[in-house]
Protein backbone atom coordinates (compact mmCIF):
# COMPACT_ATOMS: atom_id res chain seq x y z
CA MET A 1 87.25 71.46 3.03
CA ILE A 2 89.35 71.75 -0.04
CA VAL A 3 87.52 72.03 -2.98
CA SER A 4 89.55 72.08 -6.50
CA PHE A 5 88.36 73.14 -10.22
CA ASP A 6 89.72 72.72 -13.70
CA LEU A 7 88.85 76.00 -15.83
CA ASP A 8 88.69 75.48 -19.38
CA ASP A 9 85.05 74.08 -20.00
CA VAL A 10 84.28 73.64 -16.45
CA ILE A 11 84.38 77.23 -15.38
CA PHE A 12 85.45 79.24 -18.70
CA ASN A 13 83.72 78.92 -21.88
CA MET A 14 86.29 78.04 -24.51
CA ARG A 15 84.22 78.02 -27.56
CA PRO A 16 85.06 81.36 -28.76
CA LEU A 17 88.73 80.56 -28.61
CA THR A 18 87.93 77.51 -30.53
CA LEU A 19 86.14 79.25 -32.84
CA GLU A 20 88.73 81.64 -33.61
CA ALA A 21 91.29 79.07 -34.19
CA PHE A 22 89.28 77.28 -36.77
CA LYS A 23 88.55 80.86 -38.42
CA ARG A 24 92.49 81.41 -38.76
CA ALA A 25 93.13 77.89 -40.17
CA GLY A 26 90.45 78.44 -42.59
CA LEU A 27 88.37 75.27 -41.69
CA PRO A 28 84.89 74.65 -40.58
CA PHE A 29 84.17 74.23 -37.11
CA VAL A 30 84.04 70.63 -35.92
CA LYS A 31 83.23 69.63 -32.41
CA GLN A 32 86.06 68.03 -30.22
CA THR A 33 85.11 64.07 -30.10
CA SER A 34 88.43 63.10 -28.65
CA TRP A 35 90.50 64.67 -25.85
CA ASN A 36 93.82 64.21 -28.11
CA ILE A 37 93.32 67.18 -30.58
CA ASP A 38 96.56 66.56 -32.26
CA GLU A 39 94.88 63.18 -33.48
CA ILE A 40 91.53 64.79 -34.89
CA PHE A 41 92.45 68.26 -35.67
CA PRO A 42 95.04 69.39 -38.69
CA LYS A 43 98.52 70.86 -36.99
CA LYS A 44 97.55 74.19 -38.40
CA LEU A 45 94.48 74.17 -36.40
CA CYS A 46 96.20 72.83 -33.24
CA ASP A 47 98.89 75.51 -33.66
CA ASN A 48 96.53 78.24 -33.97
CA LEU A 49 95.08 76.94 -30.49
CA ILE A 50 98.24 76.65 -28.72
CA ASP A 51 98.86 80.57 -30.05
CA LEU A 52 95.53 81.83 -28.95
CA TRP A 53 95.91 80.19 -25.25
CA ALA A 54 99.13 81.88 -25.24
CA SER A 55 97.53 85.34 -26.17
CA ASP A 56 95.57 87.98 -24.42
CA MET A 57 92.39 86.57 -25.74
CA LEU A 58 92.60 84.09 -22.88
CA TYR A 59 91.91 86.93 -20.36
CA THR A 60 88.52 87.38 -22.08
CA MET A 61 87.07 83.91 -22.17
CA PRO A 62 83.65 84.13 -20.56
CA VAL A 63 82.33 82.03 -17.71
CA LEU A 64 79.98 79.42 -18.97
CA ASP A 65 77.54 80.29 -16.15
CA LYS A 66 77.16 84.17 -15.32
CA GLN A 67 76.55 83.37 -11.82
CA MET A 68 79.99 81.39 -11.53
CA PRO A 69 81.88 84.32 -10.21
CA TYR A 70 79.55 85.30 -7.59
CA ILE A 71 79.05 81.26 -6.35
CA LEU A 72 83.02 80.76 -6.19
CA ASN A 73 83.47 84.08 -4.14
CA ASN A 74 80.80 82.95 -1.90
CA LEU A 75 82.26 79.54 -1.45
CA MET A 76 85.72 81.12 -0.98
CA ALA A 77 84.30 83.12 2.04
CA GLN A 78 82.76 79.98 3.73
CA PRO A 79 85.09 79.38 7.07
CA GLY A 80 86.87 76.30 6.50
CA VAL A 81 86.89 75.99 2.67
CA ASP A 82 89.59 76.28 0.77
CA VAL A 83 89.27 76.77 -3.03
CA LEU A 84 91.80 76.25 -5.39
CA PHE A 85 92.12 76.43 -9.43
CA VAL A 86 94.30 73.64 -11.06
CA THR A 87 94.86 73.54 -14.67
CA GLU A 88 96.92 71.62 -17.23
CA ARG A 89 97.44 73.90 -20.07
CA ARG A 90 100.20 73.14 -22.53
CA LEU A 91 101.90 76.70 -21.99
CA LYS A 92 102.55 76.85 -17.97
CA GLN A 93 101.57 80.38 -17.39
CA PRO A 94 100.27 80.97 -13.69
CA GLU A 95 100.39 84.60 -14.20
CA LYS A 96 97.67 84.49 -17.04
CA THR A 97 95.49 81.83 -15.38
CA PHE A 98 95.54 83.98 -12.06
CA ARG A 99 94.51 87.12 -14.37
CA GLN A 100 92.22 85.27 -16.51
CA LEU A 101 90.35 84.44 -13.04
CA ARG A 102 90.34 87.95 -11.78
CA ASN A 103 89.22 89.73 -14.97
CA ALA A 104 86.22 87.18 -14.43
CA GLY A 105 85.56 88.55 -11.31
CA ILE A 106 86.62 85.57 -9.14
CA ASN A 107 88.39 87.20 -6.16
CA CYS A 108 91.15 84.57 -5.71
CA SER A 109 94.50 84.91 -4.60
CA TYR A 110 97.70 84.00 -6.64
CA ALA A 111 98.57 81.12 -4.04
CA GLN A 112 95.04 79.45 -5.21
CA VAL A 113 96.19 79.09 -8.82
CA TYR A 114 98.11 75.71 -9.94
CA ASP A 115 99.37 76.06 -13.51
CA GLN A 116 102.56 74.08 -13.16
CA GLU A 117 104.63 71.35 -14.72
CA GLY A 118 103.65 67.78 -14.17
CA LEU A 119 100.52 65.58 -14.39
CA LYS A 120 97.31 67.51 -13.24
CA SER A 121 96.38 64.02 -11.19
CA ASP A 122 99.76 63.87 -9.37
CA ILE A 123 99.54 67.58 -8.34
CA LEU A 124 95.81 66.97 -7.20
CA ARG A 125 96.98 63.75 -5.15
CA GLU A 126 99.71 66.19 -3.88
CA ILE A 127 97.21 68.82 -2.96
CA GLY A 128 94.60 66.19 -1.45
CA PRO A 129 91.21 67.95 -2.30
CA ASP A 130 88.03 66.49 -0.60
CA ILE A 131 86.40 66.97 -4.17
CA HIS A 132 87.97 68.16 -7.79
CA PHE A 133 85.58 69.28 -10.59
CA ASP A 134 87.10 68.56 -13.92
CA ASP A 135 86.33 67.58 -17.86
CA SER A 136 89.23 65.87 -19.00
CA PRO A 137 89.06 62.25 -19.56
CA ASN A 138 92.67 61.83 -18.63
CA VAL A 139 92.46 63.69 -15.37
CA ILE A 140 89.14 61.91 -14.76
CA GLN A 141 91.16 58.55 -14.95
CA GLY A 142 94.19 59.63 -13.07
CA CYS A 143 92.25 60.84 -10.33
CA LEU A 144 90.07 57.76 -10.24
CA THR A 145 93.61 55.70 -10.43
CA LYS A 146 95.08 58.11 -7.60
CA SER A 147 92.22 57.86 -5.32
CA VAL A 148 91.60 61.78 -5.78
CA PRO A 149 87.65 62.43 -5.26
CA VAL A 150 86.40 63.81 -8.64
CA VAL A 151 83.48 64.93 -10.38
CA MET A 152 83.02 65.36 -14.15
CA ILE A 153 81.53 68.00 -15.90
CA SER A 154 80.03 66.34 -19.16
CA ASN A 155 77.50 68.15 -21.59
CA ASN A 156 76.91 68.34 -25.34
CA SER A 157 80.30 70.11 -25.60
CA THR A 158 82.53 67.71 -23.85
CA LEU A 159 81.83 64.80 -26.04
CA TYR A 160 85.38 63.72 -25.40
CA ASN A 161 84.47 62.43 -21.93
CA HIS A 162 81.00 60.86 -22.53
CA HIS A 163 82.45 57.29 -22.48
CA LEU A 164 83.45 57.94 -18.57
CA ARG A 165 79.58 58.61 -17.64
CA GLY A 166 79.05 55.06 -16.47
CA VAL A 167 82.57 55.12 -14.28
CA VAL A 168 82.19 58.36 -12.66
CA LYS A 169 79.73 60.87 -10.90
CA TYR A 170 78.99 63.56 -13.72
CA TYR A 171 76.88 66.51 -14.14
CA THR A 172 76.22 68.78 -17.19
CA ASN A 173 76.98 72.05 -15.38
CA LEU A 174 79.22 73.21 -12.34
CA ARG A 175 76.63 75.21 -10.75
CA THR A 176 74.46 71.77 -10.16
CA ALA A 177 77.40 69.85 -9.32
CA LEU A 178 78.42 72.38 -6.47
CA ASN A 179 74.96 72.61 -5.20
CA LYS A 180 74.86 68.93 -4.85
CA GLU A 181 78.16 67.97 -3.80
CA VAL A 182 79.47 71.01 -1.94
CA LEU A 183 77.21 73.52 -0.91
CA ASN A 184 74.62 71.12 0.52
CA LYS A 185 77.32 69.68 2.69
CA ILE A 186 78.63 72.93 4.17
CA ARG A 187 75.19 74.74 4.60
């Protein structure tokens, strides 16, 4: 079984980075209501976000669920289960992504990290996961179009994907999604 995961706002809490971008831009915090940040946030804020993603601050982003490193490490130890981490950040930095995962206590190998050029849904179609967990509406729609099994993480922090709740299976957190969609099937 191949299980793949998005990182930002699925495994990692990106709120501290976002709050810092608003602070640097001198703007009050506003929740992201659309996936296309260039359309809803001022350029100065978007530039700050991109700079922060490229900074060492990325390494210190906390996991959304303190048990997630333990859960993912146990999942990776299961015979016949391959775990992949697939992200579509604007700055392609697989080394930083790998370091971020390792710093969080997720004992993955560099070969498990996909942070490369191209549409994530195309990369996922090539990889062929049995299930992928993501929050991006663009990736969710791409996966549905390309027949990639996908589960959406959708909660109060991901207002940008609520419009897809009637279209795709979703959970408010990754732990519940994993328990229902993966762990119950491999036990």
